[in-house]
Amino acid sequence: MEWLILGAAILLEVTGTICLKLSEGFSQLGPSLAIAPLYLSSLALLTLALKTIPVSTAYAIWAAVGTGLVAVIGIAFFREPVGVLKVASLVLIVVGVVGLHVGDRLSTAL
């Protein structure tokens, strides 16, 4: 259940970030009004997930998956440039999160 909560927290954070872009510097009312509730809801769910998921793992996943999703959405929908360095950097983020998760698993197994 805690992983579903973390997933929801990530989706809310990504949606809030997309609303930042869509707000066009807070000049668009709808997206501007959505930003704070989305981020607050995301943080509330992250807090709930932290009751059972180690903070190093939960925060890394929350930040990295959010970063990756926002990057993909930026490329796909906002026509942001994509290059080898950007893709390699995203891969490194994923590798780092997997490493943190595996490290938590190994330390609890010992």
PDB file of N, CA and C in Angstrom:
ATOM      1  N   MET A   1       0.811  -1.197   0.000  1.00  0.00           N
ATOM      2  CA  MET A   1       0.000   0.000   0.000  1.00  0.00           C
ATOM      3  C   MET A   1       0.860   1.269   0.000  1.00  0.00           C
ATOM      4  N   GLU A   2       1.973   1.215   0.765  1.00  0.00           N
ATOM      5  CA  GLU A   2       2.830   2.399   0.843  1.00  0.00           C
ATOM      6  C   GLU A   2       3.437   2.764  -0.511  1.00  0.00           C
ATOM      7  N   TRP A   3       3.649   1.767  -1.382  1.00  0.00           N
ATOM      8  CA  TRP A   3       4.201   2.051  -2.704  1.00  0.00           C
ATOM      9  C   TRP A   3       3.164   2.730  -3.594  1.00  0.00           C
ATOM     10  N   LEU A   4       1.898   2.375  -3.421  1.00  0.00           N
ATOM     11  CA  LEU A   4       0.834   3.057  -4.162  1.00  0.00           C
ATOM     12  C   LEU A   4       0.717   4.509  -3.701  1.00  0.00           C
ATOM     13  N   ILE A   5       0.861   4.720  -2.404  1.00  0.00           N
ATOM     14  CA  ILE A   5       0.829   6.079  -1.862  1.00  0.00           C
ATOM     15  C   ILE A   5       1.990   6.891  -2.425  1.00  0.00           C
ATOM     16  N   LEU A   6       3.172   6.289  -2.465  1.00  0.00           N
ATOM     17  CA  LEU A   6       4.333   6.977  -3.034  1.00  0.00           C
ATOM     18  C   LEU A   6       4.101   7.281  -4.512  1.00  0.00           C
ATOM     19  N   GLY A   7       3.532   6.337  -5.239  1.00  0.00           N
ATOM     20  CA  GLY A   7       3.230   6.563  -6.656  1.00  0.00           C
ATOM     21  C   GLY A   7       2.269   7.721  -6.858  1.00  0.00           C
ATOM     22  N   ALA A   8       1.244   7.797  -6.005  1.00  0.00           N
ATOM     23  CA  ALA A   8       0.295   8.909  -6.085  1.00  0.00           C
ATOM     24  C   ALA A   8       0.991  10.234  -5.768  1.00  0.00           C
ATOM     25  N   ALA A   9       1.891  10.214  -4.784  1.00  0.00           N
ATOM     26  CA  ALA A   9       2.647  11.420  -4.439  1.00  0.00           C
ATOM     27  C   ALA A   9       3.473  11.901  -5.633  1.00  0.00           C
ATOM     28  N   ILE A  10       4.070  10.962  -6.340  1.00  0.00           N
ATOM     29  CA  ILE A  10       4.875  11.299  -7.516  1.00  0.00           C
ATOM     30  C   ILE A  10       4.000  11.919  -8.607  1.00  0.00           C
ATOM     31  N   LEU A  11       2.855  11.302  -8.871  1.00  0.00           N
ATOM     32  CA  LEU A  11       1.968  11.825  -9.918  1.00  0.00           C
ATOM     33  C   LEU A  11       1.459  13.227  -9.586  1.00  0.00           C
ATOM     34  N   LEU A  12       1.153  13.469  -8.314  1.00  0.00           N
ATOM     35  CA  LEU A  12       0.706  14.804  -7.907  1.00  0.00           C
ATOM     36  C   LEU A  12       1.828  15.834  -8.063  1.00  0.00           C
ATOM     37  N   GLU A  13       3.050  15.434  -7.710  1.00  0.00           N
ATOM     38  CA  GLU A  13       4.195  16.347  -7.842  1.00  0.00           C
ATOM     39  C   GLU A  13       4.470  16.663  -9.311  1.00  0.00           C
ATOM     40  N   VAL A  14       4.401  15.657 -10.166  1.00  0.00           N
ATOM     41  CA  VAL A  14       4.621  15.866 -11.604  1.00  0.00           C
ATOM     42  C   VAL A  14       3.532  16.771 -12.170  1.00  0.00           C
ATOM     43  N   THR A  15       2.295  16.535 -11.775  1.00  0.00           N
ATOM     44  CA  THR A  15       1.192  17.369 -12.240  1.00  0.00           C
ATOM     45  C   THR A  15       1.382  18.817 -11.782  1.00  0.00           C
ATOM     46  N   GLY A  16       1.833  19.004 -10.545  1.00  0.00           N
ATOM     47  CA  GLY A  16       2.112  20.348 -10.052  1.00  0.00           C
ATOM     48  C   GLY A  16       3.204  21.034 -10.856  1.00  0.00           C
ATOM     49  N   THR A  17       4.217  20.282 -11.202  1.00  0.00           N
ATOM     50  CA  THR A  17       5.320  20.850 -11.983  1.00  0.00           C
ATOM     51  C   THR A  17       4.857  21.216 -13.393  1.00  0.00           C
ATOM     52  N   ILE A  18       4.037  20.379 -13.985  1.00  0.00           N
ATOM     53  CA  ILE A  18       3.497  20.702 -15.311  1.00  0.00           C
ATOM     54  C   ILE A  18       2.615  21.954 -15.222  1.00  0.00           C
ATOM     55  N   CYS A  19       1.878  22.085 -14.128  1.00  0.00           N
ATOM     56  CA  CYS A  19       1.071  23.297 -13.932  1.00  0.00           C
ATOM     57  C   CYS A  19       1.949  24.536 -13.819  1.00  0.00           C
ATOM     58  N   LEU A  20       3.149  24.385 -13.250  1.00  0.00           N
ATOM     59  CA  LEU A  20       4.086  25.515 -13.220  1.00  0.00           C
ATOM     60  C   LEU A  20       4.374  25.995 -14.635  1.00  0.00           C
ATOM     61  N   LYS A  21       4.622  25.049 -15.524  1.00  0.00           N
ATOM     62  CA  LYS A  21       4.906  25.392 -16.920  1.00  0.00           C
ATOM     63  C   LYS A  21       3.678  26.015 -17.585  1.00  0.00           C
ATOM     64  N   LEU A  22       2.524  25.378 -17.361  1.00  0.00           N
ATOM     65  CA  LEU A  22       1.296  25.855 -17.999  1.00  0.00           C
ATOM     66  C   LEU A  22       0.815  27.195 -17.453  1.00  0.00           C
ATOM     67  N   SER A  23       1.257  27.553 -16.248  1.00  0.00           N
ATOM     68  CA  SER A  23       0.825  28.822 -15.657  1.00  0.00           C
ATOM     69  C   SER A  23       1.442  30.029 -16.357  1.00  0.00           C
ATOM     70  N   GLU A  24       2.485  29.787 -17.150  1.00  0.00           N
ATOM     71  CA  GLU A  24       3.172  30.856 -17.895  1.00  0.00           C
ATOM     72  C   GLU A  24       3.513  32.022 -16.977  1.00  0.00           C
ATOM     73  N   GLY A  25       4.266  31.703 -15.916  1.00  0.00           N
ATOM     74  CA  GLY A  25       4.684  32.740 -14.970  1.00  0.00           C
ATOM     75  C   GLY A  25       3.522  33.263 -14.136  1.00  0.00           C
ATOM     76  N   PHE A  26       2.614  32.378 -13.777  1.00  0.00           N
ATOM     77  CA  PHE A  26       1.418  32.701 -12.988  1.00  0.00           C
ATOM     78  C   PHE A  26       0.459  33.650 -13.715  1.00  0.00           C
ATOM     79  N   SER A  27       0.528  33.674 -15.036  1.00  0.00           N
ATOM     80  CA  SER A  27      -0.388  34.517 -15.797  1.00  0.00           C
ATOM     81  C   SER A  27      -1.653  33.776 -16.218  1.00  0.00           C
ATOM     82  N   GLN A  28      -1.666  32.455 -16.087  1.00  0.00           N
ATOM     83  CA  GLN A  28      -2.838  31.647 -16.408  1.00  0.00           C
ATOM     84  C   GLN A  28      -3.469  31.178 -15.090  1.00  0.00           C
ATOM     85  N   LEU A  29      -4.708  31.573 -14.849  1.00  0.00           N
ATOM     86  CA  LEU A  29      -5.341  31.368 -13.546  1.00  0.00           C
ATOM     87  C   LEU A  29      -5.494  29.898 -13.157  1.00  0.00           C
ATOM     88  N   GLY A  30      -6.031  29.068 -14.029  1.00  0.00           N
ATOM     89  CA  GLY A  30      -6.303  27.666 -13.684  1.00  0.00           C
ATOM     90  C   GLY A  30      -5.067  26.916 -13.207  1.00  0.00           C
ATOM     91  N   PRO A  31      -4.042  26.832 -14.034  1.00  0.00           N
ATOM     92  CA  PRO A  31      -2.836  26.131 -13.597  1.00  0.00           C
ATOM     93  C   PRO A  31      -2.186  26.775 -12.372  1.00  0.00           C
ATOM     94  N   SER A  32      -2.252  28.103 -12.277  1.00  0.00           N
ATOM     95  CA  SER A  32      -1.656  28.805 -11.132  1.00  0.00           C
ATOM     96  C   SER A  32      -2.330  28.407  -9.832  1.00  0.00           C
ATOM     97  N   LEU A  33      -3.650  28.301  -9.863  1.00  0.00           N
ATOM     98  CA  LEU A  33      -4.396  27.925  -8.661  1.00  0.00           C
ATOM     99  C   LEU A  33      -4.199  26.457  -8.279  1.00  0.00           C
ATOM    100  N   ALA A  34      -3.839  25.627  -9.245  1.00  0.00           N
ATOM    101  CA  ALA A  34      -3.679  24.191  -8.987  1.00  0.00           C
ATOM    102  C   ALA A  34      -2.330  23.851  -8.355  1.00  0.00           C
ATOM    103  N   ILE A  35      -1.338  24.703  -8.496  1.00  0.00           N
ATOM    104  CA  ILE A  35       0.025  24.375  -8.085  1.00  0.00           C
ATOM    105  C   ILE A  35       0.129  24.048  -6.598  1.00  0.00           C
ATOM    106  N   ALA A  36      -0.294  24.941  -5.739  1.00  0.00           N
ATOM    107  CA  ALA A  36      -0.133  24.731  -4.291  1.00  0.00           C
ATOM    108  C   ALA A  36      -0.869  23.490  -3.789  1.00  0.00           C
ATOM    109  N   PRO A  37      -2.149  23.287  -4.142  1.00  0.00           N
ATOM    110  CA  PRO A  37      -2.818  22.074  -3.663  1.00  0.00           C
ATOM    111  C   PRO A  37      -2.151  20.784  -4.156  1.00  0.00           C
ATOM    112  N   LEU A  38      -1.662  20.800  -5.382  1.00  0.00           N
ATOM    113  CA  LEU A  38      -0.993  19.606  -5.913  1.00  0.00           C
ATOM    114  C   LEU A  38       0.286  19.302  -5.147  1.00  0.00           C
ATOM    115  N   TYR A  39       1.115  20.322  -4.931  1.00  0.00           N
ATOM    116  CA  TYR A  39       2.359  20.107  -4.198  1.00  0.00           C
ATOM    117  C   TYR A  39       2.098  19.736  -2.739  1.00  0.00           C
ATOM    118  N   LEU A  40       1.147  20.391  -2.100  1.00  0.00           N
ATOM    119  CA  LEU A  40       0.833  20.056  -0.703  1.00  0.00           C
ATOM    120  C   LEU A  40       0.298  18.635  -0.578  1.00  0.00           C
ATOM    121  N   SER A  41      -0.542  18.231  -1.509  1.00  0.00           N
ATOM    122  CA  SER A  41      -1.062  16.858  -1.497  1.00  0.00           C
ATOM    123  C   SER A  41       0.059  15.855  -1.730  1.00  0.00           C
ATOM    124  N   SER A  42       0.958  16.188  -2.631  1.00  0.00           N
ATOM    125  CA  SER A  42       2.093  15.314  -2.898  1.00  0.00           C
ATOM    126  C   SER A  42       2.950  15.132  -1.647  1.00  0.00           C
ATOM    127  N   LEU A  43       3.239  16.245  -0.973  1.00  0.00           N
ATOM    128  CA  LEU A  43       4.052  16.157   0.249  1.00  0.00           C
ATOM    129  C   LEU A  43       3.329  15.408   1.359  1.00  0.00           C
ATOM    130  N   ALA A  44       2.021  15.566   1.444  1.00  0.00           N
ATOM    131  CA  ALA A  44       1.256  14.833   2.454  1.00  0.00           C
ATOM    132  C   ALA A  44       1.335  13.330   2.202  1.00  0.00           C
ATOM    133  N   LEU A  45       1.182  12.922   0.952  1.00  0.00           N
ATOM    134  CA  LEU A  45       1.278  11.496   0.628  1.00  0.00           C
ATOM    135  C   LEU A  45       2.699  10.976   0.805  1.00  0.00           C
ATOM    136  N   LEU A  46       3.684  11.782   0.453  1.00  0.00           N
ATOM    137  CA  LEU A  46       5.071  11.377   0.682  1.00  0.00           C
ATOM    138  C   LEU A  46       5.302  11.141   2.171  1.00  0.00           C
ATOM    139  N   THR A  47       4.753  12.012   2.989  1.00  0.00           N
ATOM    140  CA  THR A  47       4.888  11.864   4.434  1.00  0.00           C
ATOM    141  C   THR A  47       4.273  10.550   4.909  1.00  0.00           C
ATOM    142  N   LEU A  48       3.124  10.198   4.362  1.00  0.00           N
ATOM    143  CA  LEU A  48       2.492   8.919   4.724  1.00  0.00           C
ATOM    144  C   LEU A  48       3.347   7.734   4.279  1.00  0.00           C
ATOM    145  N   ALA A  49       3.915   7.828   3.094  1.00  0.00           N
ATOM    146  CA  ALA A  49       4.762   6.739   2.593  1.00  0.00           C
ATOM    147  C   ALA A  49       6.002   6.561   3.464  1.00  0.00           C
ATOM    148  N   LEU A  50       6.492   7.648   4.042  1.00  0.00           N
ATOM    149  CA  LEU A  50       7.698   7.586   4.872  1.00  0.00           C
ATOM    150  C   LEU A  50       7.473   6.858   6.194  1.00  0.00           C
ATOM    151  N   LYS A  51       6.225   6.560   6.512  1.00  0.00           N
ATOM    152  CA  LYS A  51       5.954   5.799   7.733  1.00  0.00           C
ATOM    153  C   LYS A  51       6.534   4.388   7.624  1.00  0.00           C
ATOM    154  N   THR A  52       6.610   3.851   6.402  1.00  0.00           N
ATOM    155  CA  THR A  52       7.091   2.477   6.237  1.00  0.00           C
ATOM    156  C   THR A  52       8.268   2.336   5.271  1.00  0.00           C
ATOM    157  N   ILE A  53       8.440   3.283   4.361  1.00  0.00           N
ATOM    158  CA  ILE A  53       9.551   3.212   3.404  1.00  0.00           C
ATOM    159  C   ILE A  53      10.696   4.061   3.948  1.00  0.00           C
ATOM    160  N   PRO A  54      11.932   3.549   3.931  1.00  0.00           N
ATOM    161  CA  PRO A  54      13.071   4.355   4.398  1.00  0.00           C
ATOM    162  C   PRO A  54      13.151   5.677   3.633  1.00  0.00           C
ATOM    163  N   VAL A  55      13.497   6.741   4.347  1.00  0.00           N
ATOM    164  CA  VAL A  55      13.506   8.074   3.750  1.00  0.00           C
ATOM    165  C   VAL A  55      14.463   8.162   2.567  1.00  0.00           C
ATOM    166  N   SER A  56      15.612   7.510   2.661  1.00  0.00           N
ATOM    167  CA  SER A  56      16.566   7.589   1.545  1.00  0.00           C
ATOM    168  C   SER A  56      15.986   6.982   0.279  1.00  0.00           C
ATOM    169  N   THR A  57      15.256   5.909   0.415  1.00  0.00           N
ATOM    170  CA  THR A  57      14.646   5.251  -0.740  1.00  0.00           C
ATOM    171  C   THR A  57      13.441   6.039  -1.242  1.00  0.00           C
ATOM    172  N   ALA A  58      12.539   6.388  -0.341  1.00  0.00           N
ATOM    173  CA  ALA A  58      11.298   7.061  -0.743  1.00  0.00           C
ATOM    174  C   ALA A  58      11.579   8.405  -1.414  1.00  0.00           C
ATOM    175  N   TYR A  59      12.432   9.201  -0.804  1.00  0.00           N
ATOM    176  CA  TYR A  59      12.700  10.519  -1.369  1.00  0.00           C
ATOM    177  C   TYR A  59      13.434  10.398  -2.702  1.00  0.00           C
ATOM    178  N   ALA A  60      14.372   9.475  -2.778  1.00  0.00           N
ATOM    179  CA  ALA A  60      15.105   9.291  -4.036  1.00  0.00           C
ATOM    180  C   ALA A  60      14.159   8.872  -5.156  1.00  0.00           C
ATOM    181  N   ILE A  61      13.259   7.955  -4.856  1.00  0.00           N
ATOM    182  CA  ILE A  61      12.304   7.515  -5.875  1.00  0.00           C
ATOM    183  C   ILE A  61      11.370   8.666  -6.245  1.00  0.00           C
ATOM    184  N   TRP A  62      10.854   9.365  -5.234  1.00  0.00           N
ATOM    185  CA  TRP A  62       9.938  10.478  -5.463  1.00  0.00           C
ATOM    186  C   TRP A  62      10.599  11.534  -6.364  1.00  0.00           C
ATOM    187  N   ALA A  63      11.813  11.904  -6.028  1.00  0.00           N
ATOM    188  CA  ALA A  63      12.510  12.938  -6.790  1.00  0.00           C
ATOM    189  C   ALA A  63      12.927  12.449  -8.170  1.00  0.00           C
ATOM    190  N   ALA A  64      13.474  11.243  -8.236  1.00  0.00           N
ATOM    191  CA  ALA A  64      14.006  10.747  -9.510  1.00  0.00           C
ATOM    192  C   ALA A  64      12.907  10.406 -10.504  1.00  0.00           C
ATOM    193  N   VAL A  65      11.891   9.708 -10.050  1.00  0.00           N
ATOM    194  CA  VAL A  65      10.797   9.369 -10.968  1.00  0.00           C
ATOM    195  C   VAL A  65      10.094  10.647 -11.420  1.00  0.00           C
ATOM    196  N   GLY A  66       9.904  11.563 -10.474  1.00  0.00           N
ATOM    197  CA  GLY A  66       9.310  12.845 -10.840  1.00  0.00           C
ATOM    198  C   GLY A  66      10.146  13.583 -11.869  1.00  0.00           C
ATOM    199  N   THR A  67      11.442  13.624 -11.649  1.00  0.00           N
ATOM    200  CA  THR A  67      12.354  14.280 -12.592  1.00  0.00           C
ATOM    201  C   THR A  67      12.292  13.605 -13.957  1.00  0.00           C
ATOM    202  N   GLY A  68      12.330  12.295 -13.962  1.00  0.00           N
ATOM    203  CA  GLY A  68      12.279  11.561 -15.232  1.00  0.00           C
ATOM    204  C   GLY A  68      10.978  11.791 -15.980  1.00  0.00           C
ATOM    205  N   LEU A  69       9.861  11.722 -15.267  1.00  0.00           N
ATOM    206  CA  LEU A  69       8.566  11.944 -15.915  1.00  0.00           C
ATOM    207  C   LEU A  69       8.442  13.364 -16.464  1.00  0.00           C
ATOM    208  N   VAL A  70       8.886  14.335 -15.681  1.00  0.00           N
ATOM    209  CA  VAL A  70       8.816  15.720 -16.150  1.00  0.00           C
ATOM    210  C   VAL A  70       9.710  15.906 -17.380  1.00  0.00           C
ATOM    211  N   ALA A  71      10.870  15.296 -17.380  1.00  0.00           N
ATOM    212  CA  ALA A  71      11.757  15.398 -18.545  1.00  0.00           C
ATOM    213  C   ALA A  71      11.108  14.786 -19.782  1.00  0.00           C
ATOM    214  N   VAL A  72      10.512  13.621 -19.631  1.00  0.00           N
ATOM    215  CA  VAL A  72       9.853  12.958 -20.767  1.00  0.00           C
ATOM    216  C   VAL A  72       8.663  13.788 -21.250  1.00  0.00           C
ATOM    217  N   ILE A  73       7.867  14.308 -20.322  1.00  0.00           N
ATOM    218  CA  ILE A  73       6.725  15.146 -20.695  1.00  0.00           C
ATOM    219  C   ILE A  73       7.217  16.419 -21.391  1.00  0.00           C
ATOM    220  N   GLY A  74       8.298  17.001 -20.879  1.00  0.00           N
ATOM    221  CA  GLY A  74       8.863  18.193 -21.514  1.00  0.00           C
ATOM    222  C   GLY A  74       9.288  17.928 -22.942  1.00  0.00           C
ATOM    223  N   ILE A  75       9.898  16.789 -23.152  1.00  0.00           N
ATOM    224  CA  ILE A  75      10.349  16.425 -24.501  1.00  0.00           C
ATOM    225  C   ILE A  75       9.149  16.133 -25.403  1.00  0.00           C
ATOM    226  N   ALA A  76       8.200  15.347 -24.889  1.00  0.00           N
ATOM    227  CA  ALA A  76       7.079  14.889 -25.711  1.00  0.00           C
ATOM    228  C   ALA A  76       6.041  15.978 -25.994  1.00  0.00           C
ATOM    229  N   PHE A  77       5.738  16.792 -25.000  1.00  0.00           N
ATOM    230  CA  PHE A  77       4.628  17.730 -25.157  1.00  0.00           C
ATOM    231  C   PHE A  77       5.042  19.197 -25.294  1.00  0.00           C
ATOM    232  N   PHE A  78       6.199  19.554 -24.755  1.00  0.00           N
ATOM    233  CA  PHE A  78       6.640  20.941 -24.824  1.00  0.00           C
ATOM    234  C   PHE A  78       7.799  21.123 -25.792  1.00  0.00           C
ATOM    235  N   ARG A  79       8.119  20.060 -26.517  1.00  0.00           N
ATOM    236  CA  ARG A  79       9.160  20.086 -27.559  1.00  0.00           C
ATOM    237  C   ARG A  79      10.501  20.580 -27.063  1.00  0.00           C
ATOM    238  N   GLU A  80      10.846  20.167 -25.846  1.00  0.00           N
ATOM    239  CA  GLU A  80      12.156  20.515 -25.306  1.00  0.00           C
ATOM    240  C   GLU A  80      13.218  19.675 -26.014  1.00  0.00           C
ATOM    241  N   PRO A  81      14.411  20.220 -26.165  1.00  0.00           N
ATOM    242  CA  PRO A  81      15.459  19.470 -26.879  1.00  0.00           C
ATOM    243  C   PRO A  81      15.887  18.230 -26.101  1.00  0.00           C
ATOM    244  N   VAL A  82      16.250  17.201 -26.844  1.00  0.00           N
ATOM    245  CA  VAL A  82      16.750  15.971 -26.242  1.00  0.00           C
ATOM    246  C   VAL A  82      18.056  15.613 -26.930  1.00  0.00           C
ATOM    247  N   GLY A  83      19.007  15.188 -26.125  1.00  0.00           N
ATOM    248  CA  GLY A  83      20.300  14.802 -26.666  1.00  0.00           C
ATOM    249  C   GLY A  83      20.864  13.649 -25.861  1.00  0.00           C
ATOM    250  N   VAL A  84      22.009  13.195 -26.281  1.00  0.00           N
ATOM    251  CA  VAL A  84      22.653  12.061 -25.637  1.00  0.00           C
ATOM    252  C   VAL A  84      22.947  12.360 -24.170  1.00  0.00           C
ATOM    253  N   LEU A  85      23.433  13.541 -23.874  1.00  0.00           N
ATOM    254  CA  LEU A  85      23.771  13.887 -22.492  1.00  0.00           C
ATOM    255  C   LEU A  85      22.527  13.885 -21.598  1.00  0.00           C
ATOM    256  N   LYS A  86      21.416  14.418 -22.103  1.00  0.00           N
ATOM    257  CA  LYS A  86      20.180  14.442 -21.323  1.00  0.00           C
ATOM    258  C   LYS A  86      19.701  13.016 -21.044  1.00  0.00           C
ATOM    259  N   VAL A  87      19.708  12.168 -22.055  1.00  0.00           N
ATOM    260  CA  VAL A  87      19.273  10.781 -21.888  1.00  0.00           C
ATOM    261  C   VAL A  87      20.216  10.035 -20.935  1.00  0.00           C
ATOM    262  N   ALA A  88      21.514  10.217 -21.100  1.00  0.00           N
ATOM    263  CA  ALA A  88      22.487   9.559 -20.218  1.00  0.00           C
ATOM    264  C   ALA A  88      22.306  10.019 -18.772  1.00  0.00           C
ATOM    265  N   SER A  89      22.022  11.283 -18.579  1.00  0.00           N
ATOM    266  CA  SER A  89      21.811  11.804 -17.229  1.00  0.00           C
ATOM    267  C   SER A  89      20.574  11.204 -16.589  1.00  0.00           C
ATOM    268  N   LEU A  90      19.511  11.058 -17.356  1.00  0.00           N
ATOM    269  CA  LEU A  90      18.302  10.416 -16.835  1.00  0.00           C
ATOM    270  C   LEU A  90      18.562   8.956 -16.472  1.00  0.00           C
ATOM    271  N   VAL A  91      19.342   8.272 -17.293  1.00  0.00           N
ATOM    272  CA  VAL A  91      19.700   6.882 -16.988  1.00  0.00           C
ATOM    273  C   VAL A  91      20.497   6.820 -15.689  1.00  0.00           C
ATOM    274  N   LEU A  92      21.410   7.750 -15.492  1.00  0.00           N
ATOM    275  CA  LEU A  92      22.192   7.768 -14.252  1.00  0.00           C
ATOM    276  C   LEU A  92      21.313   8.011 -13.025  1.00  0.00           C
ATOM    277  N   ILE A  93      20.296   8.830 -13.172  1.00  0.00           N
ATOM    278  CA  ILE A  93      19.359   9.046 -12.068  1.00  0.00           C
ATOM    279  C   ILE A  93      18.673   7.734 -11.705  1.00  0.00           C
ATOM    280  N   VAL A  94      18.220   7.014 -12.709  1.00  0.00           N
ATOM    281  CA  VAL A  94      17.555   5.727 -12.468  1.00  0.00           C
ATOM    282  C   VAL A  94      18.512   4.740 -11.811  1.00  0.00           C
ATOM    283  N   VAL A  95      19.732   4.688 -12.286  1.00  0.00           N
ATOM    284  CA  VAL A  95      20.736   3.790 -11.704  1.00  0.00           C
ATOM    285  C   VAL A  95      20.980   4.149 -10.238  1.00  0.00           C
ATOM    286  N   GLY A  96      21.048   5.430  -9.939  1.00  0.00           N
ATOM    287  CA  GLY A  96      21.253   5.859  -8.562  1.00  0.00           C
ATOM    288  C   GLY A  96      20.110   5.451  -7.647  1.00  0.00           C
ATOM    289  N   VAL A  97      18.883   5.598  -8.110  1.00  0.00           N
ATOM    290  CA  VAL A  97      17.719   5.207  -7.302  1.00  0.00           C
ATOM    291  C   VAL A  97      17.703   3.698  -7.083  1.00  0.00           C
ATOM    292  N   VAL A  98      17.974   2.940  -8.125  1.00  0.00           N
ATOM    293  CA  VAL A  98      18.030   1.484  -7.976  1.00  0.00           C
ATOM    294  C   VAL A  98      19.126   1.119  -6.985  1.00  0.00           C
ATOM    295  N   GLY A  99      20.260   1.782  -7.058  1.00  0.00           N
ATOM    296  CA  GLY A  99      21.347   1.518  -6.117  1.00  0.00           C
ATOM    297  C   GLY A  99      20.947   1.799  -4.678  1.00  0.00           C
ATOM    298  N   LEU A 100      20.237   2.882  -4.441  1.00  0.00           N
ATOM    299  CA  LEU A 100      19.773   3.186  -3.088  1.00  0.00           C
ATOM    300  C   LEU A 100      18.790   2.126  -2.587  1.00  0.00           C
ATOM    301  N   HIS A 101      17.890   1.706  -3.450  1.00  0.00           N
ATOM    302  CA  HIS A 101      16.903   0.697  -3.068  1.00  0.00           C
ATOM    303  C   HIS A 101      17.577  -0.645  -2.767  1.00  0.00           C
ATOM    304  N   VAL A 102      18.494  -1.051  -3.621  1.00  0.00           N
ATOM    305  CA  VAL A 102      19.225  -2.305  -3.400  1.00  0.00           C
ATOM    306  C   VAL A 102      20.064  -2.198  -2.131  1.00  0.00           C
ATOM    307  N   GLY A 103      20.672  -1.036  -1.919  1.00  0.00           N
ATOM    308  CA  GLY A 103      21.464  -0.833  -0.698  1.00  0.00           C
ATOM    309  C   GLY A 103      20.617  -0.972   0.552  1.00  0.00           C
ATOM    310  N   ASP A 104      19.400  -0.451   0.537  1.00  0.00           N
ATOM    311  CA  ASP A 104      18.494  -0.629   1.674  1.00  0.00           C
ATOM    312  C   ASP A 104      18.153  -2.090   1.892  1.00  0.00           C
ATOM    313  N   ARG A 105      17.889  -2.790   0.818  1.00  0.00           N
ATOM    314  CA  ARG A 105      17.565  -4.226   0.907  1.00  0.00           C
ATOM    315  C   ARG A 105      18.724  -5.033   1.480  1.00  0.00           C
ATOM    316  N   LEU A 106      19.934  -4.735   1.002  1.00  0.00           N
ATOM    317  CA  LEU A 106      21.101  -5.462   1.473  1.00  0.00           C
ATOM    318  C   LEU A 106      21.389  -5.162   2.935  1.00  0.00           C
ATOM    319  N   SER A 107      21.225  -3.918   3.348  1.00  0.00           N
ATOM    320  CA  SER A 107      21.529  -3.579   4.744  1.00  0.00           C
ATOM    321  C   SER A 107      20.529  -4.178   5.715  1.00  0.00           C
ATOM    322  N   THR A 108      19.280  -4.364   5.292  1.00  0.00           N
ATOM    323  CA  THR A 108      18.295  -4.992   6.160  1.00  0.00           C
ATOM    324  C   THR A 108      18.459  -6.509   6.179  1.00  0.00           C
ATOM    325  N   ALA A 109      19.073  -7.056   5.137  1.00  0.00           N
ATOM    326  CA  ALA A 109      19.288  -8.509   5.073  1.00  0.00           C
ATOM    327  C   ALA A 109      20.459  -8.940   5.952  1.00  0.00           C
ATOM    328  N   LEU A 110      21.356  -8.018   6.252  1.00  0.00           N
ATOM    329  CA  LEU A 110      22.543  -8.370   7.040  1.00  0.00           C
ATOM    330  C   LEU A 110      22.272  -8.448   8.489  1.00  0.00           C
TER     331      LEU A 110
END
